[in-house]
């Protein structure tokens, strides 16, 4: 599904009204003001426990290896970056304040009105950051108006996400890049929990995900990083919003006193004009 078309230059300049108010008005007129997106599914980990999820985000990637690889795959310095499915907006200020490569403009897209309200409050005083209503299949941007899109554990759980990929590629400028951050099911202690969890299997396994992206011409980059929590109790609390309780009971017994674990990420990187669609690629 193709999104609305309004002049991106006017959106940035916003003559006569603040650019936040302008975008809110246009998004409302286009029907992007609520959670009524056909592809929207509430994520139980963040939607039901957003304060705990904040602690999870704070624990991610303590050495910065994942962050450096994200920048290497799609440098956002001086560019427009969209955080697709931004949730409470935890990462938005970091994109804007990156000491090595700050984005010129950061836009968080979030379909959940409760999470979006939190994100809006977080960035209210940041002049180059905004949060808008939208989803992967309904992006309120003009064609070719965005440089980098990040989707961090949001929407892209193959198969069945071809429509969102088409929509993201629509809004990317020539040379723009989509980076999808997913789990590496083969590396790290978190992957061991994934393979043992019925909750995780419902999102599709490593073979399904890897094949789907490979058929669409994406390149895969694996990064081994980790989580580092303040104490063992915090790590246990965070793990319990991601996995069944009995699985974490067992893990905690086997790893007493642990406040950290290793975590493998897979980045799937693609852009408009690459090998998509592929004849015979299989499930959309």
C-alpha atoms as a PDB file:
ATOM      1  CA  UNK A   1       0.000   0.000   0.000  1.00  0.00           C
ATOM      2  CA  UNK A   2       1.365   3.355  -0.984  1.00  0.00           C
ATOM      3  CA  UNK A   3       1.336   6.221   1.447  1.00  0.00           C
ATOM      4  CA  UNK A   4       0.074   9.793   1.098  1.00  0.00           C
ATOM      5  CA  UNK A   5       1.959  12.304  -0.958  1.00  0.00           C
ATOM      6  CA  UNK A   6       2.552  15.731   0.398  1.00  0.00           C
ATOM      7  CA  UNK A   7       5.493  17.983  -0.278  1.00  0.00           C
ATOM      8  CA  UNK A   8       8.458  16.962   1.857  1.00  0.00           C
ATOM      9  CA  UNK A   9      10.000  20.393   1.507  1.00  0.00           C
ATOM     10  CA  UNK A  10       6.902  22.004   2.990  1.00  0.00           C
ATOM     11  CA  UNK A  11       6.910  19.431   5.743  1.00  0.00           C
ATOM     12  CA  UNK A  12      10.452  20.376   6.680  1.00  0.00           C
ATOM     13  CA  UNK A  13       9.864  24.107   6.386  1.00  0.00           C
ATOM     14  CA  UNK A  14       6.365  24.221   7.830  1.00  0.00           C
ATOM     15  CA  UNK A  15       5.544  27.833   6.874  1.00  0.00           C
ATOM     16  CA  UNK A  16       2.956  29.423   9.127  1.00  0.00           C
ATOM     17  CA  UNK A  17       2.958  26.723  11.804  1.00  0.00           C
ATOM     18  CA  UNK A  18       5.499  24.666  13.700  1.00  0.00           C
ATOM     19  CA  UNK A  19       6.702  21.613  11.805  1.00  0.00           C
ATOM     20  CA  UNK A  20       5.470  19.291  14.564  1.00  0.00           C
ATOM     21  CA  UNK A  21       1.977  20.798  14.431  1.00  0.00           C
ATOM     22  CA  UNK A  22       2.011  20.744  10.648  1.00  0.00           C
ATOM     23  CA  UNK A  23       2.875  17.082  10.483  1.00  0.00           C
ATOM     24  CA  UNK A  24       0.341  16.184  13.170  1.00  0.00           C
ATOM     25  CA  UNK A  25      -2.391  17.972  11.204  1.00  0.00           C
ATOM     26  CA  UNK A  26      -1.521  16.363   7.882  1.00  0.00           C
ATOM     27  CA  UNK A  27      -1.184  12.912   9.437  1.00  0.00           C
ATOM     28  CA  UNK A  28      -4.576  13.346  11.072  1.00  0.00           C
ATOM     29  CA  UNK A  29      -6.159  14.382   7.784  1.00  0.00           C
ATOM     30  CA  UNK A  30      -4.619  11.345   6.097  1.00  0.00           C
ATOM     31  CA  UNK A  31      -6.024   9.008   8.741  1.00  0.00           C
ATOM     32  CA  UNK A  32      -2.766   8.242  10.552  1.00  0.00           C
ATOM     33  CA  UNK A  33      -3.768   9.508  13.991  1.00  0.00           C
ATOM     34  CA  UNK A  34      -4.755   6.270  15.733  1.00  0.00           C
ATOM     35  CA  UNK A  35      -3.804   2.636  16.081  1.00  0.00           C
ATOM     36  CA  UNK A  36      -6.153   1.579  13.272  1.00  0.00           C
ATOM     37  CA  UNK A  37      -3.421   0.186  11.031  1.00  0.00           C
ATOM     38  CA  UNK A  38      -4.156  -3.158   9.403  1.00  0.00           C
ATOM     39  CA  UNK A  39      -0.629  -4.417  10.074  1.00  0.00           C
ATOM     40  CA  UNK A  40      -0.505  -3.305  13.715  1.00  0.00           C
ATOM     41  CA  UNK A  41      -0.100  -5.992  16.374  1.00  0.00           C
ATOM     42  CA  UNK A  42       0.669  -5.004  19.943  1.00  0.00           C
ATOM     43  CA  UNK A  43       3.995  -6.343  21.134  1.00  0.00           C
ATOM     44  CA  UNK A  44       3.338  -7.886  24.570  1.00  0.00           C
ATOM     45  CA  UNK A  45       6.871  -7.350  25.870  1.00  0.00           C
ATOM     46  CA  UNK A  46       6.950  -3.562  25.459  1.00  0.00           C
ATOM     47  CA  UNK A  47       3.219  -2.797  25.468  1.00  0.00           C
ATOM     48  CA  UNK A  48       2.589  -4.680  28.685  1.00  0.00           C
ATOM     49  CA  UNK A  49       5.831  -3.793  30.458  1.00  0.00           C
ATOM     50  CA  UNK A  50       7.201  -0.627  28.928  1.00  0.00           C
ATOM     51  CA  UNK A  51       9.129   0.378  32.056  1.00  0.00           C
ATOM     52  CA  UNK A  52      10.915  -2.972  32.139  1.00  0.00           C
ATOM     53  CA  UNK A  53      11.535  -2.711  28.405  1.00  0.00           C
ATOM     54  CA  UNK A  54      13.279   0.592  29.071  1.00  0.00           C
ATOM     55  CA  UNK A  55      15.708  -1.283  31.294  1.00  0.00           C
ATOM     56  CA  UNK A  56      16.199  -3.866  28.553  1.00  0.00           C
ATOM     57  CA  UNK A  57      17.093  -1.141  26.079  1.00  0.00           C
ATOM     58  CA  UNK A  58      19.529   0.384  28.557  1.00  0.00           C
ATOM     59  CA  UNK A  59      21.250  -2.994  28.973  1.00  0.00           C
ATOM     60  CA  UNK A  60      21.746  -3.605  25.246  1.00  0.00           C
ATOM     61  CA  UNK A  61      25.173  -3.540  23.613  1.00  0.00           C
ATOM     62  CA  UNK A  62      27.371  -2.315  26.505  1.00  0.00           C
ATOM     63  CA  UNK A  63      30.530  -2.169  24.350  1.00  0.00           C
ATOM     64  CA  UNK A  64      28.856  -0.380  21.425  1.00  0.00           C
ATOM     65  CA  UNK A  65      29.771  -3.012  18.827  1.00  0.00           C
ATOM     66  CA  UNK A  66      26.200  -3.224  17.513  1.00  0.00           C
ATOM     67  CA  UNK A  67      25.827   0.551  17.334  1.00  0.00           C
ATOM     68  CA  UNK A  68      29.050   0.879  15.342  1.00  0.00           C
ATOM     69  CA  UNK A  69      27.920  -1.785  12.892  1.00  0.00           C
ATOM     70  CA  UNK A  70      24.537  -0.107  12.428  1.00  0.00           C
ATOM     71  CA  UNK A  71      26.309   3.112  11.501  1.00  0.00           C
ATOM     72  CA  UNK A  72      28.661   1.257   9.159  1.00  0.00           C
ATOM     73  CA  UNK A  73      25.757  -0.344   7.298  1.00  0.00           C
ATOM     74  CA  UNK A  74      23.836   2.906   6.853  1.00  0.00           C
ATOM     75  CA  UNK A  75      25.517   6.094   8.022  1.00  0.00           C
ATOM     76  CA  UNK A  76      22.883   8.513   9.316  1.00  0.00           C
ATOM     77  CA  UNK A  77      25.234  11.423   9.934  1.00  0.00           C
ATOM     78  CA  UNK A  78      23.645  14.611   8.567  1.00  0.00           C
ATOM     79  CA  UNK A  79      20.747  12.630   7.097  1.00  0.00           C
ATOM     80  CA  UNK A  80      17.098  11.820   7.752  1.00  0.00           C
ATOM     81  CA  UNK A  81      16.619   8.636   9.753  1.00  0.00           C
ATOM     82  CA  UNK A  82      13.335   6.884  10.505  1.00  0.00           C
ATOM     83  CA  UNK A  83      13.058   4.572  13.505  1.00  0.00           C
ATOM     84  CA  UNK A  84      10.202   2.292  12.433  1.00  0.00           C
ATOM     85  CA  UNK A  85       8.277   0.964  15.412  1.00  0.00           C
ATOM     86  CA  UNK A  86      10.119   3.284  17.794  1.00  0.00           C
ATOM     87  CA  UNK A  87       8.029   2.271  20.830  1.00  0.00           C
ATOM     88  CA  UNK A  88       8.685   4.640  23.720  1.00  0.00           C
ATOM     89  CA  UNK A  89      11.370   6.409  21.682  1.00  0.00           C
ATOM     90  CA  UNK A  90      14.355   5.163  23.681  1.00  0.00           C
ATOM     91  CA  UNK A  91      16.772   5.334  20.733  1.00  0.00           C
ATOM     92  CA  UNK A  92      15.575   8.582  19.149  1.00  0.00           C
ATOM     93  CA  UNK A  93      17.731  10.996  21.223  1.00  0.00           C
ATOM     94  CA  UNK A  94      20.795   8.846  20.629  1.00  0.00           C
ATOM     95  CA  UNK A  95      20.471   9.071  16.843  1.00  0.00           C
ATOM     96  CA  UNK A  96      20.149  12.839  17.134  1.00  0.00           C
ATOM     97  CA  UNK A  97      22.959  13.220  19.658  1.00  0.00           C
ATOM     98  CA  UNK A  98      25.476  10.747  18.235  1.00  0.00           C
ATOM     99  CA  UNK A  99      28.814  12.458  18.823  1.00  0.00           C
ATOM    100  CA  UNK A 100      30.383  10.811  15.775  1.00  0.00           C
ATOM    101  CA  UNK A 101      27.499  11.036  13.299  1.00  0.00           C
ATOM    102  CA  UNK A 102      24.401  12.884  14.477  1.00  0.00           C
ATOM    103  CA  UNK A 103      21.376  12.616  12.206  1.00  0.00           C
ATOM    104  CA  UNK A 104      20.035  15.876  10.776  1.00  0.00           C
ATOM    105  CA  UNK A 105      16.469  14.741  11.407  1.00  0.00           C
ATOM    106  CA  UNK A 106      15.116  11.762  13.331  1.00  0.00           C
ATOM    107  CA  UNK A 107      11.534  10.557  12.941  1.00  0.00           C
ATOM    108  CA  UNK A 108      10.036   7.861  15.127  1.00  0.00           C
ATOM    109  CA  UNK A 109       7.085   5.983  13.637  1.00  0.00           C
ATOM    110  CA  UNK A 110       4.821   4.196  16.115  1.00  0.00           C
ATOM    111  CA  UNK A 111       1.292   2.779  15.672  1.00  0.00           C
ATOM    112  CA  UNK A 112       0.561   2.198  19.377  1.00  0.00           C
ATOM    113  CA  UNK A 113      -0.953   5.432  20.747  1.00  0.00           C
ATOM    114  CA  UNK A 114       0.099   4.729  24.340  1.00  0.00           C
ATOM    115  CA  UNK A 115       3.734   4.106  23.437  1.00  0.00           C
ATOM    116  CA  UNK A 116       3.695   6.997  20.986  1.00  0.00           C
ATOM    117  CA  UNK A 117       2.600   9.404  23.709  1.00  0.00           C
ATOM    118  CA  UNK A 118       5.579   8.372  25.850  1.00  0.00           C
ATOM    119  CA  UNK A 119       7.929   8.800  22.899  1.00  0.00           C
ATOM    120  CA  UNK A 120       6.521  12.246  22.130  1.00  0.00           C
ATOM    121  CA  UNK A 121       7.177  13.353  25.680  1.00  0.00           C
ATOM    122  CA  UNK A 122      10.712  12.058  25.525  1.00  0.00           C
ATOM    123  CA  UNK A 123      11.673  14.127  22.464  1.00  0.00           C
ATOM    124  CA  UNK A 124       9.512  17.215  22.990  1.00  0.00           C
ATOM    125  CA  UNK A 125      12.512  19.470  23.590  1.00  0.00           C
ATOM    126  CA  UNK A 126      14.657  18.019  20.802  1.00  0.00           C
ATOM    127  CA  UNK A 127      14.263  20.269  17.796  1.00  0.00           C
ATOM    128  CA  UNK A 128      15.369  17.774  15.148  1.00  0.00           C
ATOM    129  CA  UNK A 129      13.322  14.826  16.437  1.00  0.00           C
ATOM    130  CA  UNK A 130       9.629  14.045  16.072  1.00  0.00           C
ATOM    131  CA  UNK A 131       7.274  11.107  16.541  1.00  0.00           C
ATOM    132  CA  UNK A 132       4.435  10.340  14.135  1.00  0.00           C
ATOM    133  CA  UNK A 133       1.607   7.839  13.837  1.00  0.00           C
ATOM    134  CA  UNK A 134       2.193   5.178  11.225  1.00  0.00           C
ATOM    135  CA  UNK A 135       3.247   1.601  10.597  1.00  0.00           C
ATOM    136  CA  UNK A 136       5.443  -0.380   8.245  1.00  0.00           C
ATOM    137  CA  UNK A 137       2.694  -0.646   5.635  1.00  0.00           C
ATOM    138  CA  UNK A 138       1.440   2.922   6.185  1.00  0.00           C
ATOM    139  CA  UNK A 139       4.308   5.404   6.254  1.00  0.00           C
ATOM    140  CA  UNK A 140       3.227   9.083   6.180  1.00  0.00           C
ATOM    141  CA  UNK A 141       6.117  10.210   4.004  1.00  0.00           C
ATOM    142  CA  UNK A 142       6.575  11.245   0.405  1.00  0.00           C
ATOM    143  CA  UNK A 143       8.324   9.002  -2.098  1.00  0.00           C
ATOM    144  CA  UNK A 144      12.109   9.186  -1.875  1.00  0.00           C
ATOM    145  CA  UNK A 145      12.228  11.405   1.208  1.00  0.00           C
ATOM    146  CA  UNK A 146      14.189   9.337   3.762  1.00  0.00           C
ATOM    147  CA  UNK A 147      17.836   8.227   3.860  1.00  0.00           C
ATOM    148  CA  UNK A 148      17.935   5.481   6.494  1.00  0.00           C
ATOM    149  CA  UNK A 149      15.203   3.319   8.063  1.00  0.00           C
ATOM    150  CA  UNK A 150      15.855   1.170  11.119  1.00  0.00           C
ATOM    151  CA  UNK A 151      13.394  -1.512  12.206  1.00  0.00           C
ATOM    152  CA  UNK A 152      14.488  -2.925  15.541  1.00  0.00           C
ATOM    153  CA  UNK A 153      12.481  -6.076  16.271  1.00  0.00           C
ATOM    154  CA  UNK A 154       9.469  -4.424  14.652  1.00  0.00           C
ATOM    155  CA  UNK A 155       7.089  -5.831  12.003  1.00  0.00           C
ATOM    156  CA  UNK A 156       9.682  -7.690   9.915  1.00  0.00           C
ATOM    157  CA  UNK A 157       9.086 -11.245  11.133  1.00  0.00           C
ATOM    158  CA  UNK A 158       9.051 -13.227   7.846  1.00  0.00           C
ATOM    159  CA  UNK A 159       7.145 -14.462   6.018  1.00  0.00           C
ATOM    160  CA  UNK A 160       4.227 -12.141   5.407  1.00  0.00           C
ATOM    161  CA  UNK A 161       5.966  -8.757   5.505  1.00  0.00           C
ATOM    162  CA  UNK A 162       6.468  -8.037   1.798  1.00  0.00           C
ATOM    163  CA  UNK A 163       3.987  -5.145   1.838  1.00  0.00           C
ATOM    164  CA  UNK A 164       5.998  -3.342   4.503  1.00  0.00           C
ATOM    165  CA  UNK A 165       9.239  -3.847   2.597  1.00  0.00           C
ATOM    166  CA  UNK A 166       7.674  -2.329  -0.517  1.00  0.00           C
ATOM    167  CA  UNK A 167       6.420   0.640   1.499  1.00  0.00           C
ATOM    168  CA  UNK A 168       9.795   1.261   3.151  1.00  0.00           C
ATOM    169  CA  UNK A 169      11.560   1.137  -0.206  1.00  0.00           C
ATOM    170  CA  UNK A 170       9.012   3.634  -1.553  1.00  0.00           C
ATOM    171  CA  UNK A 171      10.046   6.299   0.953  1.00  0.00           C
ATOM    172  CA  UNK A 172      13.798   5.709   0.687  1.00  0.00           C
ATOM    173  CA  UNK A 173      15.848   7.996  -1.507  1.00  0.00           C
ATOM    174  CA  UNK A 174      18.102   6.458  -4.189  1.00  0.00           C
ATOM    175  CA  UNK A 175      21.019   5.016  -2.265  1.00  0.00           C
ATOM    176  CA  UNK A 176      18.934   4.868   0.921  1.00  0.00           C
ATOM    177  CA  UNK A 177      19.061   1.846   3.179  1.00  0.00           C
ATOM    178  CA  UNK A 178      16.790  -0.241   5.379  1.00  0.00           C
ATOM    179  CA  UNK A 179      18.477  -2.002   8.286  1.00  0.00           C
ATOM    180  CA  UNK A 180      16.357  -4.592  10.088  1.00  0.00           C
ATOM    181  CA  UNK A 181      17.716  -5.623  13.491  1.00  0.00           C
ATOM    182  CA  UNK A 182      16.777  -9.216  14.327  1.00  0.00           C
ATOM    183  CA  UNK A 183      17.986 -12.087  16.450  1.00  0.00           C
ATOM    184  CA  UNK A 184      20.834 -14.344  15.424  1.00  0.00           C
ATOM    185  CA  UNK A 185      19.418 -17.710  16.415  1.00  0.00           C
ATOM    186  CA  UNK A 186      22.827 -19.367  16.257  1.00  0.00           C
ATOM    187  CA  UNK A 187      25.052 -17.221  18.467  1.00  0.00           C
ATOM    188  CA  UNK A 188      25.009 -16.183  22.102  1.00  0.00           C
ATOM    189  CA  UNK A 189      23.175 -17.208  25.253  1.00  0.00           C
ATOM    190  CA  UNK A 190      20.056 -15.324  24.232  1.00  0.00           C
ATOM    191  CA  UNK A 191      19.838 -17.560  21.154  1.00  0.00           C
ATOM    192  CA  UNK A 192      19.838 -20.625  23.406  1.00  0.00           C
ATOM    193  CA  UNK A 193      16.747 -19.237  25.118  1.00  0.00           C
ATOM    194  CA  UNK A 194      15.141 -18.444  21.766  1.00  0.00           C
ATOM    195  CA  UNK A 195      15.552 -21.995  20.554  1.00  0.00           C
ATOM    196  CA  UNK A 196      13.942 -23.304  23.749  1.00  0.00           C
ATOM    197  CA  UNK A 197      11.012 -20.864  23.742  1.00  0.00           C
ATOM    198  CA  UNK A 198       7.600 -21.544  22.220  1.00  0.00           C
ATOM    199  CA  UNK A 199       6.963 -17.781  22.296  1.00  0.00           C
ATOM    200  CA  UNK A 200       9.918 -17.098  20.027  1.00  0.00           C
ATOM    201  CA  UNK A 201       9.116 -19.879  17.572  1.00  0.00           C
ATOM    202  CA  UNK A 202       5.808 -18.169  16.826  1.00  0.00           C
ATOM    203  CA  UNK A 203       7.757 -15.296  15.199  1.00  0.00           C
ATOM    204  CA  UNK A 204       9.497 -17.565  12.704  1.00  0.00           C
ATOM    205  CA  UNK A 205      12.827 -19.304  13.004  1.00  0.00           C
ATOM    206  CA  UNK A 206      16.287 -18.625  11.670  1.00  0.00           C
ATOM    207  CA  UNK A 207      15.884 -20.598   8.440  1.00  0.00           C
ATOM    208  CA  UNK A 208      12.604 -18.916   7.494  1.00  0.00           C
ATOM    209  CA  UNK A 209      13.952 -15.446   8.216  1.00  0.00           C
ATOM    210  CA  UNK A 210      17.287 -15.920   6.505  1.00  0.00           C
ATOM    211  CA  UNK A 211      15.759 -17.430   3.367  1.00  0.00           C
ATOM    212  CA  UNK A 212      13.135 -14.701   3.083  1.00  0.00           C
ATOM    213  CA  UNK A 213      15.698 -11.907   3.208  1.00  0.00           C
ATOM    214  CA  UNK A 214      18.166 -13.707   0.964  1.00  0.00           C
ATOM    215  CA  UNK A 215      15.466 -14.177  -1.689  1.00  0.00           C
ATOM    216  CA  UNK A 216      14.948 -10.417  -1.634  1.00  0.00           C
ATOM    217  CA  UNK A 217      18.567  -9.513  -2.170  1.00  0.00           C
ATOM    218  CA  UNK A 218      19.354  -8.366   1.371  1.00  0.00           C
ATOM    219  CA  UNK A 219      22.788  -8.821   2.835  1.00  0.00           C
ATOM    220  CA  UNK A 220      23.140 -10.259   6.307  1.00  0.00           C
ATOM    221  CA  UNK A 221      25.612  -9.046   8.913  1.00  0.00           C
ATOM    222  CA  UNK A 222      25.919 -10.912  12.216  1.00  0.00           C
ATOM    223  CA  UNK A 223      27.096  -9.113  15.355  1.00  0.00           C
ATOM    224  CA  UNK A 224      27.841 -10.722  18.704  1.00  0.00           C
ATOM    225  CA  UNK A 225      27.175  -8.319  21.559  1.00  0.00           C
ATOM    226  CA  UNK A 226      25.366  -8.698  24.850  1.00  0.00           C
ATOM    227  CA  UNK A 227      23.206  -7.346  27.622  1.00  0.00           C
ATOM    228  CA  UNK A 228      24.615  -5.914  30.850  1.00  0.00           C
ATOM    229  CA  UNK A 229      22.067  -5.184  33.588  1.00  0.00           C
ATOM    230  CA  UNK A 230      22.569  -3.385  36.875  1.00  0.00           C
ATOM    231  CA  UNK A 231      22.203  -6.577  38.915  1.00  0.00           C
ATOM    232  CA  UNK A 232      20.948 -10.179  38.609  1.00  0.00           C
ATOM    233  CA  UNK A 233      17.429  -9.241  39.677  1.00  0.00           C
ATOM    234  CA  UNK A 234      17.120  -6.772  36.837  1.00  0.00           C
ATOM    235  CA  UNK A 235      18.318  -9.297  34.254  1.00  0.00           C
ATOM    236  CA  UNK A 236      15.809 -11.838  35.507  1.00  0.00           C
ATOM    237  CA  UNK A 237      12.991  -9.268  35.345  1.00  0.00           C
ATOM    238  CA  UNK A 238      13.903  -8.330  31.789  1.00  0.00           C
ATOM    239  CA  UNK A 239      14.126 -11.943  30.647  1.00  0.00           C
ATOM    240  CA  UNK A 240      10.679 -12.666  32.059  1.00  0.00           C
ATOM    241  CA  UNK A 241       9.008 -10.255  29.606  1.00  0.00           C
ATOM    242  CA  UNK A 242      10.682 -12.092  26.715  1.00  0.00           C
ATOM    243  CA  UNK A 243      10.326 -15.758  27.659  1.00  0.00           C
ATOM    244  CA  UNK A 244       8.005 -18.158  29.524  1.00  0.00           C
ATOM    245  CA  UNK A 245       8.463 -18.105  33.271  1.00  0.00           C
ATOM    246  CA  UNK A 246       9.468 -21.755  33.635  1.00  0.00           C
ATOM    247  CA  UNK A 247      12.230 -21.314  31.064  1.00  0.00           C
ATOM    248  CA  UNK A 248      13.683 -18.379  33.005  1.00  0.00           C
ATOM    249  CA  UNK A 249      13.299 -20.240  36.303  1.00  0.00           C
ATOM    250  CA  UNK A 250      15.568 -22.916  34.879  1.00  0.00           C
ATOM    251  CA  UNK A 251      18.055 -20.433  33.387  1.00  0.00           C
ATOM    252  CA  UNK A 252      18.409 -18.511  36.651  1.00  0.00           C
ATOM    253  CA  UNK A 253      19.058 -21.723  38.579  1.00  0.00           C
ATOM    254  CA  UNK A 254      21.760 -22.686  36.090  1.00  0.00           C
ATOM    255  CA  UNK A 255      23.340 -19.198  36.028  1.00  0.00           C
ATOM    256  CA  UNK A 256      23.215 -17.866  39.613  1.00  0.00           C
ATOM    257  CA  UNK A 257      24.354 -14.297  40.178  1.00  0.00           C
ATOM    258  CA  UNK A 258      24.501 -13.396  36.492  1.00  0.00           C
ATOM    259  CA  UNK A 259      23.727  -9.802  35.485  1.00  0.00           C
ATOM    260  CA  UNK A 260      24.778 -10.169  31.846  1.00  0.00           C
ATOM    261  CA  UNK A 261      24.504 -12.530  28.919  1.00  0.00           C
ATOM    262  CA  UNK A 262      25.830 -12.764  25.376  1.00  0.00           C
ATOM    263  CA  UNK A 263      23.471 -11.770  22.560  1.00  0.00           C
ATOM    264  CA  UNK A 264      23.802 -12.341  18.816  1.00  0.00           C
ATOM    265  CA  UNK A 265      22.148  -9.936  16.386  1.00  0.00           C
ATOM    266  CA  UNK A 266      21.506 -10.350  12.668  1.00  0.00           C
ATOM    267  CA  UNK A 267      21.229  -7.219  10.544  1.00  0.00           C
ATOM    268  CA  UNK A 268      19.383  -7.519   7.229  1.00  0.00           C
ATOM    269  CA  UNK A 269      20.368  -4.635   4.981  1.00  0.00           C
ATOM    270  CA  UNK A 270      18.585  -3.685   1.758  1.00  0.00           C
ATOM    271  CA  UNK A 271      17.602  -0.716  -0.361  1.00  0.00           C
ATOM    272  CA  UNK A 272      15.468   0.267  -3.352  1.00  0.00           C
ATOM    273  CA  UNK A 273      16.640  -1.000  -6.692  1.00  0.00           C
ATOM    274  CA  UNK A 274      18.203  -4.145  -5.283  1.00  0.00           C
ATOM    275  CA  UNK A 275      17.077  -7.681  -6.172  1.00  0.00           C
ATOM    276  CA  UNK A 276      13.393  -7.421  -5.278  1.00  0.00           C
ATOM    277  CA  UNK A 277      11.056  -9.015  -6.129  1.00  0.00           C
ATOM    278  CA  UNK A 278      12.675 -12.296  -7.038  1.00  0.00           C
ATOM    279  CA  UNK A 279      10.829 -14.683  -9.320  1.00  0.00           C
ATOM    280  CA  UNK A 280       9.927 -17.826  -7.437  1.00  0.00           C
ATOM    281  CA  UNK A 281      10.933 -16.354  -4.110  1.00  0.00           C
ATOM    282  CA  UNK A 282       8.068 -18.163  -2.405  1.00  0.00           C
ATOM    283  CA  UNK A 283       5.865 -16.818   0.349  1.00  0.00           C
ATOM    284  CA  UNK A 284       5.245 -13.029   0.092  1.00  0.00           C
END
